[in-house]
Protein backbone atom coordinates (compact mmCIF):
# COMPACT_ATOMS: atom_id res chain seq x y z
CA MET A 1 -5.92 -62.17 -34.32
CA ASP A 2 -2.79 -60.00 -34.80
CA ARG A 3 -2.02 -57.92 -31.76
CA THR A 4 0.05 -54.44 -31.60
CA LEU A 5 1.23 -52.81 -28.84
CA ILE A 6 2.39 -49.29 -29.14
CA SER A 7 4.65 -48.55 -25.96
CA ARG A 8 6.54 -45.57 -24.01
CA THR A 9 4.80 -43.00 -26.45
CA THR A 10 3.46 -39.62 -25.96
CA ILE A 11 0.18 -40.19 -26.98
CA PHE A 12 -2.20 -37.39 -28.79
CA ASP A 13 -5.76 -38.65 -29.25
CA GLY A 14 -7.23 -36.60 -31.29
CA SER A 15 -9.66 -34.80 -28.63
CA GLY A 16 -8.34 -31.42 -28.25
CA ALA A 17 -6.67 -32.44 -24.67
CA ALA A 18 -3.07 -32.08 -23.99
CA PRO A 19 -0.98 -35.32 -24.94
CA TYR A 20 0.07 -38.09 -22.53
CA ALA A 21 2.76 -40.53 -22.15
CA GLY A 22 1.04 -43.83 -22.26
CA ASP A 23 0.67 -47.15 -24.25
CA VAL A 24 -2.35 -48.49 -26.67
CA LEU A 25 -2.67 -52.00 -27.74
CA VAL A 26 -4.30 -52.87 -30.89
CA GLU A 27 -6.30 -56.16 -31.28
CA GLY A 28 -7.15 -56.89 -35.15
CA GLN A 29 -8.74 -53.57 -36.78
CA ARG A 30 -9.59 -51.61 -33.37
CA ILE A 31 -7.61 -49.85 -30.67
CA VAL A 32 -8.45 -52.48 -27.67
CA ALA A 33 -6.72 -50.42 -24.91
CA VAL A 34 -5.23 -47.22 -23.93
CA GLN A 35 -3.16 -46.87 -20.91
CA ARG A 36 -2.06 -43.50 -19.17
CA GLY A 37 1.43 -43.88 -17.71
CA GLY A 38 2.02 -47.05 -20.24
CA LYS A 39 2.61 -50.84 -18.59
CA LEU A 40 -0.04 -52.79 -20.55
CA PRO A 41 0.81 -56.16 -20.61
CA ARG A 42 2.51 -57.54 -23.89
CA GLY A 43 1.15 -60.79 -24.23
CA ASP A 44 1.74 -62.32 -27.65
CA ALA A 45 1.33 -58.76 -29.03
CA ARG A 46 4.11 -57.50 -31.69
CA VAL A 47 5.93 -54.60 -29.92
CA VAL A 48 6.73 -50.85 -31.32
CA ASP A 49 8.89 -49.11 -29.41
CA GLY A 50 7.07 -45.26 -29.67
CA ALA A 51 9.84 -43.52 -27.05
CA GLY A 52 10.72 -40.38 -28.35
CA ALA A 53 7.98 -39.90 -30.85
CA THR A 54 3.95 -39.11 -30.99
CA LEU A 55 1.22 -41.47 -31.65
CA MET A 56 -1.85 -39.73 -33.28
CA PRO A 57 -4.78 -40.61 -35.15
CA GLY A 58 -4.47 -41.09 -39.12
CA LEU A 59 -4.89 -37.60 -40.70
CA ILE A 60 -8.32 -37.62 -42.31
CA GLU A 61 -8.90 -35.89 -46.16
CA PRO A 62 -11.79 -33.91 -46.18
CA HIS A 63 -11.79 -32.74 -49.92
CA GLY A 64 -9.97 -35.17 -51.79
CA HIS A 65 -9.41 -35.22 -55.27
CA VAL A 66 -7.79 -38.62 -56.03
CA SER A 67 -8.52 -38.95 -59.66
CA TYR A 68 -7.46 -35.39 -59.96
CA PRO A 69 -4.02 -36.20 -62.26
CA ASP A 70 -1.98 -32.90 -60.75
CA ALA A 71 -3.60 -31.29 -63.98
CA PRO A 72 -2.51 -27.72 -65.56
CA SER A 73 -6.12 -26.91 -66.32
CA ASN A 74 -9.48 -28.51 -66.36
CA SER A 75 -9.66 -29.64 -69.81
CA TYR A 76 -6.85 -31.97 -69.29
CA PHE A 77 -9.23 -34.70 -67.59
CA THR A 78 -10.91 -34.81 -70.72
CA LYS A 79 -7.75 -35.82 -73.13
CA LEU A 80 -6.17 -38.56 -70.42
CA PRO A 81 -7.23 -41.63 -71.49
CA PRO A 82 -9.07 -43.93 -69.10
CA GLU A 83 -6.12 -46.44 -69.10
CA GLU A 84 -3.72 -43.97 -67.69
CA HIS A 85 -6.10 -42.26 -65.54
CA VAL A 86 -6.87 -45.50 -63.32
CA LEU A 87 -3.30 -45.83 -63.12
CA ILE A 88 -2.39 -42.18 -62.47
CA THR A 89 -5.21 -42.70 -59.37
CA MET A 90 -4.16 -45.86 -57.90
CA ARG A 91 -0.38 -44.15 -57.16
CA ASN A 92 -2.49 -41.05 -55.78
CA ALA A 93 -4.13 -43.20 -53.48
CA LYS A 94 -1.11 -44.99 -52.82
CA THR A 95 0.61 -41.33 -51.81
CA MET A 96 -2.55 -40.66 -49.44
CA LEU A 97 -1.40 -43.26 -47.27
CA ASP A 98 2.09 -42.71 -47.64
CA CYS A 99 1.56 -39.32 -46.31
CA GLY A 100 -0.18 -40.51 -43.23
CA TYR A 101 -4.16 -40.17 -44.74
CA THR A 102 -5.82 -42.90 -43.86
CA SER A 103 -9.39 -41.58 -44.76
CA VAL A 104 -10.48 -39.48 -47.41
CA LEU A 105 -13.86 -37.96 -48.48
CA SER A 106 -14.10 -37.45 -52.18
CA GLY A 107 -14.89 -34.29 -53.24
CA ALA A 108 -15.31 -35.35 -56.66
CA SER A 109 -13.82 -37.54 -58.83
CA ALA A 110 -12.29 -36.79 -62.69
CA LYS A 111 -14.39 -39.40 -64.26
CA PRO A 112 -17.78 -41.10 -63.03
CA ARG A 113 -16.63 -44.38 -61.91
CA LEU A 114 -13.01 -43.71 -61.04
CA ASP A 115 -13.70 -43.29 -57.26
CA VAL A 116 -15.90 -46.19 -57.10
CA VAL A 117 -13.61 -48.55 -58.57
CA ILE A 118 -10.65 -47.27 -56.93
CA ARG A 119 -12.53 -47.41 -53.26
CA ASN A 120 -13.94 -51.23 -54.58
CA GLU A 121 -10.22 -52.09 -54.90
CA ILE A 122 -8.81 -50.38 -52.05
CA ASN A 123 -11.58 -52.49 -49.25
CA ALA A 124 -10.81 -55.49 -51.29
CA GLY A 125 -7.52 -54.87 -50.20
CA ARG A 126 -6.21 -55.49 -53.61
CA ILE A 127 -4.49 -52.03 -53.62
CA PRO A 128 -3.04 -49.61 -51.21
CA GLY A 129 -4.99 -46.30 -50.35
CA PRO A 130 -7.37 -44.82 -47.45
CA ARG A 131 -10.30 -45.50 -46.42
CA TYR A 132 -12.17 -43.87 -48.94
CA LEU A 133 -16.02 -42.58 -49.68
CA ALA A 134 -16.70 -42.22 -53.28
CA ASN A 135 -17.75 -39.32 -55.54
CA GLY A 136 -18.67 -38.89 -58.85
CA PRO A 137 -18.33 -35.79 -61.31
CA GLU A 138 -18.74 -32.51 -60.13
CA ILE A 139 -22.96 -31.28 -60.86
CA THR A 140 -23.03 -28.18 -62.65
CA VAL A 141 -25.22 -25.81 -64.64
CA THR A 142 -24.80 -24.49 -67.97
CA GLY A 143 -22.52 -21.38 -67.72
CA GLY A 144 -21.10 -23.18 -64.12
CA LEU A 145 -17.66 -23.86 -62.90
CA GLY A 146 -17.00 -27.39 -64.60
CA ASP A 147 -18.97 -26.77 -67.68
CA GLU A 148 -16.20 -27.03 -70.49
CA ASN A 149 -18.58 -27.52 -73.43
CA GLU A 150 -18.18 -25.11 -76.64
CA LEU A 151 -20.75 -24.54 -78.82
CA HIS A 152 -18.42 -25.19 -81.73
CA LEU A 153 -17.61 -28.71 -80.64
CA PRO A 154 -19.77 -31.52 -80.24
CA HIS A 155 -21.39 -32.16 -76.86
CA PHE A 156 -20.99 -35.11 -74.90
CA GLU A 157 -23.32 -36.94 -72.58
CA THR A 158 -20.47 -38.06 -70.57
CA PRO A 159 -19.21 -36.00 -68.30
CA THR A 160 -15.65 -34.79 -68.15
CA PHE A 161 -14.39 -32.06 -65.53
CA ALA A 162 -18.28 -31.84 -64.48
CA TRP A 163 -21.76 -32.95 -65.54
CA VAL A 164 -24.18 -29.73 -66.66
CA ALA A 165 -27.73 -30.31 -65.60
CA ASP A 166 -30.20 -27.57 -65.63
CA GLY A 167 -33.21 -27.79 -64.08
CA PRO A 168 -34.36 -30.31 -61.18
CA GLU A 169 -35.42 -33.30 -63.29
CA GLU A 170 -32.10 -33.48 -64.88
CA VAL A 171 -29.75 -32.88 -61.40
CA ARG A 172 -32.21 -35.85 -60.31
CA LYS A 173 -31.28 -38.45 -62.61
CA ILE A 174 -27.72 -37.88 -62.52
CA CYS A 175 -27.80 -37.76 -58.79
CA ARG A 176 -29.86 -41.45 -59.49
CA LEU A 177 -27.66 -42.46 -62.16
CA LEU A 178 -24.70 -42.04 -59.71
CA VAL A 179 -26.41 -43.77 -56.99
CA ARG A 180 -26.66 -46.61 -59.24
CA GLU A 181 -22.96 -46.92 -60.07
CA GLY A 182 -22.06 -47.17 -56.41
CA THR A 183 -21.13 -43.61 -55.18
CA ASP A 184 -21.44 -42.17 -51.70
CA LEU A 185 -21.56 -38.75 -52.54
CA PHE A 186 -22.34 -36.08 -54.81
CA LYS A 187 -20.59 -32.55 -55.35
CA LEU A 188 -23.05 -29.99 -56.27
CA ASN A 189 -21.28 -26.91 -58.09
CA VAL A 190 -23.40 -24.19 -56.30
CA SER A 191 -21.62 -21.23 -56.80
CA GLY A 192 -18.53 -20.59 -59.19
CA HIS A 193 -14.97 -20.44 -58.67
CA ALA A 194 -11.74 -17.90 -58.76
CA GLY A 195 -12.53 -14.05 -58.93
CA PRO A 196 -15.38 -12.41 -58.39
CA THR A 197 -15.77 -12.19 -62.19
CA ASP A 198 -15.19 -15.77 -63.24
CA HIS A 199 -17.56 -18.22 -63.00
CA ARG A 200 -20.31 -15.76 -61.19
CA THR A 201 -18.25 -16.74 -57.85
CA ASP A 202 -20.14 -13.70 -56.18
CA ARG A 203 -23.52 -15.71 -56.10
CA ALA A 204 -25.69 -18.99 -56.58
CA VAL A 205 -25.55 -20.18 -60.10
CA MET A 206 -27.89 -23.52 -58.97
CA THR A 207 -31.66 -22.83 -57.99
CA ASP A 208 -33.32 -23.68 -54.73
CA ALA A 209 -35.42 -26.56 -56.95
CA GLU A 210 -31.61 -27.71 -58.38
CA VAL A 211 -29.76 -28.09 -54.96
CA GLY A 212 -33.56 -29.70 -53.03
CA ALA A 213 -33.39 -32.17 -55.92
CA ALA A 214 -29.74 -33.73 -55.14
CA MET A 215 -30.55 -33.55 -51.24
CA ASP A 216 -34.18 -35.90 -51.94
CA VAL A 217 -32.10 -38.28 -54.14
CA ALA A 218 -29.39 -38.74 -51.68
CA ARG A 219 -32.19 -38.79 -48.32
CA ALA A 220 -34.19 -41.82 -49.88
CA ASN A 221 -30.54 -43.59 -50.85
CA GLY A 222 -28.53 -43.09 -48.17
CA GLY A 223 -26.00 -40.63 -49.58
CA ARG A 224 -24.61 -37.36 -48.62
CA VAL A 225 -24.15 -34.15 -50.51
CA ARG A 226 -21.67 -31.56 -50.39
CA ALA A 227 -21.16 -28.19 -52.28
CA HIS A 228 -18.79 -25.88 -54.16
CA ALA A 229 -20.63 -22.73 -52.41
CA ARG A 230 -18.38 -19.35 -52.72
CA SER A 231 -20.76 -17.03 -52.19
CA ALA A 232 -23.14 -15.86 -49.35
CA ASP A 233 -26.23 -16.79 -50.52
CA SER A 234 -25.17 -20.53 -52.09
CA VAL A 235 -23.88 -20.99 -48.45
CA LYS A 236 -27.25 -19.85 -47.14
CA MET A 237 -29.17 -22.30 -49.74
CA CYS A 238 -27.10 -25.21 -48.80
CA ILE A 239 -28.12 -24.24 -44.87
CA ARG A 240 -31.40 -24.01 -45.73
CA HIS A 241 -31.53 -27.64 -47.18
CA GLY A 242 -29.63 -29.55 -44.70
CA LEU A 243 -26.31 -29.69 -46.94
CA GLY A 244 -23.75 -29.74 -43.83
CA ILE A 245 -20.37 -30.40 -46.10
CA ILE A 246 -19.22 -26.53 -47.40
CA TYR A 247 -16.16 -25.75 -49.45
CA HIS A 248 -14.71 -22.72 -49.46
CA ALA A 249 -17.38 -20.18 -48.25
CA ASN A 250 -15.08 -17.55 -48.81
CA PHE A 251 -17.57 -14.62 -49.54
CA ALA A 252 -19.89 -15.93 -46.54
CA ASP A 253 -21.76 -12.51 -45.33
CA GLU A 254 -22.81 -11.89 -41.61
CA GLU A 255 -26.18 -13.93 -42.26
CA ALA A 256 -24.24 -16.38 -43.74
CA LEU A 257 -21.77 -16.99 -40.72
CA ASP A 258 -24.84 -16.60 -38.15
CA ARG A 259 -26.59 -19.68 -39.84
CA LEU A 260 -23.75 -21.32 -39.75
CA ASP A 261 -22.87 -20.70 -36.28
CA ALA A 262 -26.76 -21.66 -35.69
CA ASN A 263 -26.53 -24.83 -37.01
CA ARG A 264 -22.73 -25.69 -36.07
CA ASP A 265 -23.68 -29.18 -34.61
CA TRP A 266 -24.37 -30.70 -38.39
CA CYS A 267 -22.15 -27.79 -40.60
CA PHE A 268 -18.62 -28.46 -41.41
CA VAL A 269 -16.49 -25.58 -44.18
CA VAL A 270 -13.54 -26.93 -45.83
CA PRO A 271 -11.99 -23.61 -47.11
CA ALA A 272 -9.30 -25.76 -49.23
CA LEU A 273 -6.81 -22.59 -48.68
CA GLY A 274 -3.79 -24.17 -50.55
CA LEU A 275 -5.21 -24.27 -53.69
CA ALA A 276 -5.75 -20.35 -53.52
CA TYR A 277 -3.00 -19.84 -51.88
CA GLN A 278 -0.61 -21.74 -54.15
CA ALA A 279 -2.06 -20.13 -57.36
CA CYS A 280 -1.52 -16.91 -55.51
CA HIS A 281 2.44 -17.86 -55.41
CA ALA A 282 2.99 -19.70 -58.11
CA GLY A 283 0.45 -19.46 -60.64
CA SER A 284 2.44 -17.89 -63.27
CA GLU A 285 4.04 -20.86 -64.22
CA TRP A 286 1.03 -22.59 -65.15
CA GLY A 287 -0.18 -19.98 -67.29
CA PHE A 288 -2.36 -17.55 -64.84
CA THR A 289 -2.47 -13.73 -66.20
CA PRO A 290 -1.49 -10.92 -63.66
CA GLU A 291 -5.17 -10.45 -63.67
CA ARG A 292 -6.22 -13.85 -62.84
CA VAL A 293 -3.68 -13.51 -59.59
CA ARG A 294 -4.99 -10.13 -58.57
CA ASP A 295 -8.93 -11.71 -58.44
CA LEU A 296 -7.28 -15.05 -56.98
CA ARG A 297 -5.36 -13.25 -54.11
CA HIS A 298 -8.67 -11.19 -53.80
CA GLN A 299 -10.58 -14.35 -53.21
CA LEU A 300 -7.86 -15.45 -50.44
CA GLU A 301 -7.49 -12.21 -48.70
CA LEU A 302 -11.59 -12.57 -48.15
CA SER A 303 -10.96 -16.37 -47.39
CA VAL A 304 -8.71 -15.71 -44.67
CA GLU A 305 -10.74 -13.33 -42.84
CA THR A 306 -13.69 -15.66 -43.10
CA MET A 307 -12.19 -18.20 -41.58
CA ARG A 308 -10.67 -16.19 -38.88
CA VAL A 309 -14.22 -14.98 -37.78
CA MET A 310 -15.50 -18.92 -38.49
CA ARG A 311 -12.98 -19.92 -35.67
CA ARG A 312 -13.53 -17.16 -33.13
CA ARG A 313 -17.33 -18.16 -33.42
CA GLY A 314 -16.68 -21.79 -33.14
CA ILE A 315 -18.06 -23.04 -36.34
CA ARG A 316 -16.27 -26.34 -37.13
CA VAL A 317 -13.47 -26.11 -39.91
CA LEU A 318 -11.02 -28.54 -41.10
CA PRO A 319 -7.93 -28.17 -43.20
CA GLY A 320 -7.45 -29.98 -46.83
CA GLY A 321 -8.56 -29.83 -50.17
CA ASP A 322 -8.21 -29.50 -54.21
CA TYR A 323 -4.68 -31.26 -54.13
CA GLY A 324 -4.11 -32.32 -57.57
CA PHE A 325 -3.45 -29.35 -59.66
CA ALA A 326 -0.15 -28.93 -61.17
CA TRP A 327 0.37 -26.12 -58.96
CA ASN A 328 -1.39 -27.62 -55.86
CA PRO A 329 0.13 -31.47 -56.50
CA HIS A 330 -0.70 -34.49 -54.42
CA GLY A 331 2.26 -35.35 -51.80
CA THR A 332 1.90 -32.25 -50.19
CA TYR A 333 -1.65 -32.39 -48.86
CA ALA A 334 0.00 -31.18 -44.93
CA ARG A 335 0.60 -27.92 -46.39
CA ASP A 336 -2.66 -27.43 -45.27
CA LEU A 337 -2.16 -27.97 -41.40
CA LEU A 338 0.91 -25.67 -41.69
CA LEU A 339 -1.41 -22.88 -43.57
CA PHE A 340 -4.22 -23.14 -41.03
CA VAL A 341 -1.28 -22.14 -38.05
CA ASP A 342 0.82 -19.97 -39.68
CA VAL A 343 -2.28 -17.81 -42.20
CA LEU A 344 -5.45 -18.54 -40.68
CA GLY A 345 -4.44 -18.29 -36.78
CA PHE A 346 -5.71 -21.97 -35.75
CA THR A 347 -3.22 -23.54 -32.82
CA PRO A 348 -1.42 -26.59 -33.81
CA MET A 349 -3.81 -28.30 -31.58
CA GLU A 350 -6.84 -27.03 -33.01
CA THR A 351 -5.44 -27.80 -36.22
CA LEU A 352 -4.72 -31.58 -35.99
CA ALA A 353 -8.27 -31.77 -34.07
CA ALA A 354 -9.73 -30.56 -36.80
CA ALA A 355 -7.57 -33.00 -39.16
CA THR A 356 -8.22 -35.58 -37.00
CA ARG A 357 -11.65 -36.15 -34.49
CA LEU A 358 -13.47 -33.60 -36.58
CA GLY A 359 -12.29 -35.51 -39.43
CA GLY A 360 -13.89 -38.60 -38.42
CA GLU A 361 -17.07 -36.48 -37.67
CA ILE A 362 -17.09 -35.24 -41.14
CA MET A 363 -16.74 -39.28 -42.58
CA GLY A 364 -19.77 -40.06 -40.43
CA ARG A 365 -17.93 -42.17 -38.17
CA PRO A 366 -17.42 -39.68 -35.34
CA ASP A 367 -16.93 -42.94 -32.79
CA GLU A 368 -14.72 -44.80 -34.55
CA LEU A 369 -12.58 -42.45 -36.69
CA GLY A 370 -10.32 -39.46 -35.58
CA GLN A 371 -9.50 -40.76 -31.94
CA ILE A 372 -7.17 -42.97 -29.99
CA LYS A 373 -9.82 -44.62 -27.63
CA PRO A 374 -10.94 -48.05 -27.08
CA GLY A 375 -13.36 -49.16 -29.79
CA CYS A 376 -11.97 -47.10 -32.36
CA LEU A 377 -10.52 -48.24 -35.79
CA ALA A 378 -6.94 -48.27 -35.61
CA ASP A 379 -6.09 -45.48 -38.02
CA LEU A 380 -2.40 -44.53 -36.33
CA LEU A 381 0.53 -42.43 -37.10
CA LEU A 382 3.99 -42.36 -35.09
CA VAL A 383 5.18 -39.27 -35.65
CA ASP A 384 9.00 -38.59 -34.94
CA GLY A 385 9.25 -35.73 -32.37
CA ASP A 386 6.11 -33.56 -31.68
CA PRO A 387 4.31 -32.24 -34.43
CA LEU A 388 2.41 -29.86 -31.94
CA ALA A 389 5.69 -28.07 -31.57
CA ASP A 390 6.70 -28.69 -35.36
CA ILE A 391 3.49 -29.04 -37.66
CA LYS A 392 5.66 -29.15 -40.67
CA ARG A 393 6.92 -32.95 -39.56
CA LEU A 394 3.70 -34.17 -41.14
CA GLN A 395 4.70 -32.93 -44.29
CA ASP A 396 7.90 -34.85 -44.00
CA ARG A 397 7.00 -38.60 -45.08
CA ASP A 398 10.62 -39.84 -43.56
CA ALA A 399 9.31 -38.49 -40.00
CA LEU A 400 6.22 -40.93 -40.12
CA LEU A 401 7.60 -43.32 -38.13
CA MET A 402 4.42 -46.16 -38.46
CA ILE A 403 1.36 -45.89 -40.49
CA MET A 404 -1.40 -48.49 -39.53
CA LYS A 405 -5.11 -48.33 -41.35
CA ASP A 406 -7.55 -50.62 -39.82
CA GLY A 407 -4.94 -52.19 -37.43
CA CYS A 408 -2.60 -53.01 -40.47
CA LEU A 409 1.05 -52.34 -40.30
CA TYR A 410 1.88 -50.35 -43.73
CA LYS A 411 4.69 -48.82 -42.68
CA ALA A 412 6.35 -50.50 -39.86
CA PRO A 413 9.23 -48.58 -38.14
CA THR A 414 12.53 -49.59 -39.29
CA SER A 415 13.96 -50.40 -36.00
C-alpha cells in the first residue's frame, strides 16, 4: 500500500481552527495520522517536504458545470456536436483538478448523459478529474430559464440547455429518466435568471406540486435535488419541500432569511457571485446590452447585501459556481474565493473553511471530505506560501506545489 508523508509543513485542516506546524501521513486513499509539531516516523513512506508551504484540503466546487463549454450563449449548447462536447468536458474535468478542485457537485449537465459518462470514466481511472456527483440538464417550465424553444422551430424531445416539464407528472417522468440514466442529482429552475424583468427572476415559476414531484423521486431513489432559486418565494418553496441546496437566493426577503436561519443545519446557499460580477465588468465584450448589464448590476448589489446578512446570521454560504461561460470561463474558479473576501466581507479563514469543510458537507460526506484528520480521504493541496495571508495564491496554478486526490499524487512537487 502506498504511503506518503508530508513533513515540516503548516497545516490548515479545514475546521476553521488556526493553522499549525505538523506532519501528515497518508496510507492508501486515506489520512492515517496527523502530528502537531511533526516528527511522524517515515518508515517506507514517500516523503514530501512541505517547508515554507501550507497543506490544506482539496477545494470543493458546489456548483460545477463541467460540461459547459465556455459558451457565449445558452443556445451554443444546442449547436455543439456531442463528439466535440465529450472532449471539451474531459478537458474541463482535467482543468478543475489542475486548479486544485478535487471534488465537484454538478450544478447541471449541458446534455443528458455527459456528466454521467465523465463521472464514470473518472471513477474508473481512465481520465483525470475531480470526484464528481453527476447531474442531468436543468429542469424548467415553459417560459422559464432554459426554455430555448421557439414556436416557428420544431420542438425537440431531447433537452438542450434545459428540459421543459409542465406539471408534476412531467417533472416526475424526467426525474425518473435521469435516475435510470445514472445521475446522482436533479436541478430545478424554480425561478428565473438575469435581471428582475428577465425570466421572472422576482418570483417562482415552478409550482409546489412540481417541486414536490422531484423531491418524491429523489427520496425514493436516494438522489438529491438542488434549485436555481433567486426570488424570495422560490427560496421559501425550496425550504418547505426540504430542498436544501439553493443556488443564488439574491432576492431573499426577511421571511426567507428567517427560514434559512431556522434550517441552517441542512440548508446551503451558493450565490455563484462570479457569474454576475464578471457579466457586470466584462459582459459588454460578449454582447450584453447596457440595459442587461444594468439589470445584472442590480442583481449583484442585491446578492452582495443578502449574502452579507446571511454571513452575519451564520447561514451556510459557499463560494463557487456557474463557471463555463465565455465571460466566466473554466480555470478561473478560485476567483470566487477572492470575491468572498473582497466583496462579501468573509474572512480568508471563513472562505477557505466554506470551500473545504462545508464543501464536504454539501457533497454529503462530512466525515471524509474537506478536512485534514485521520480517516478522511486524502484530497490535499500543498500551496506555496500562505493562502490565508494571500488568498489570490489559489488562483495561481504554479503555486499549487502538490495536488493529491484519493491518496494519489496527481501533481508531485518538482523538488
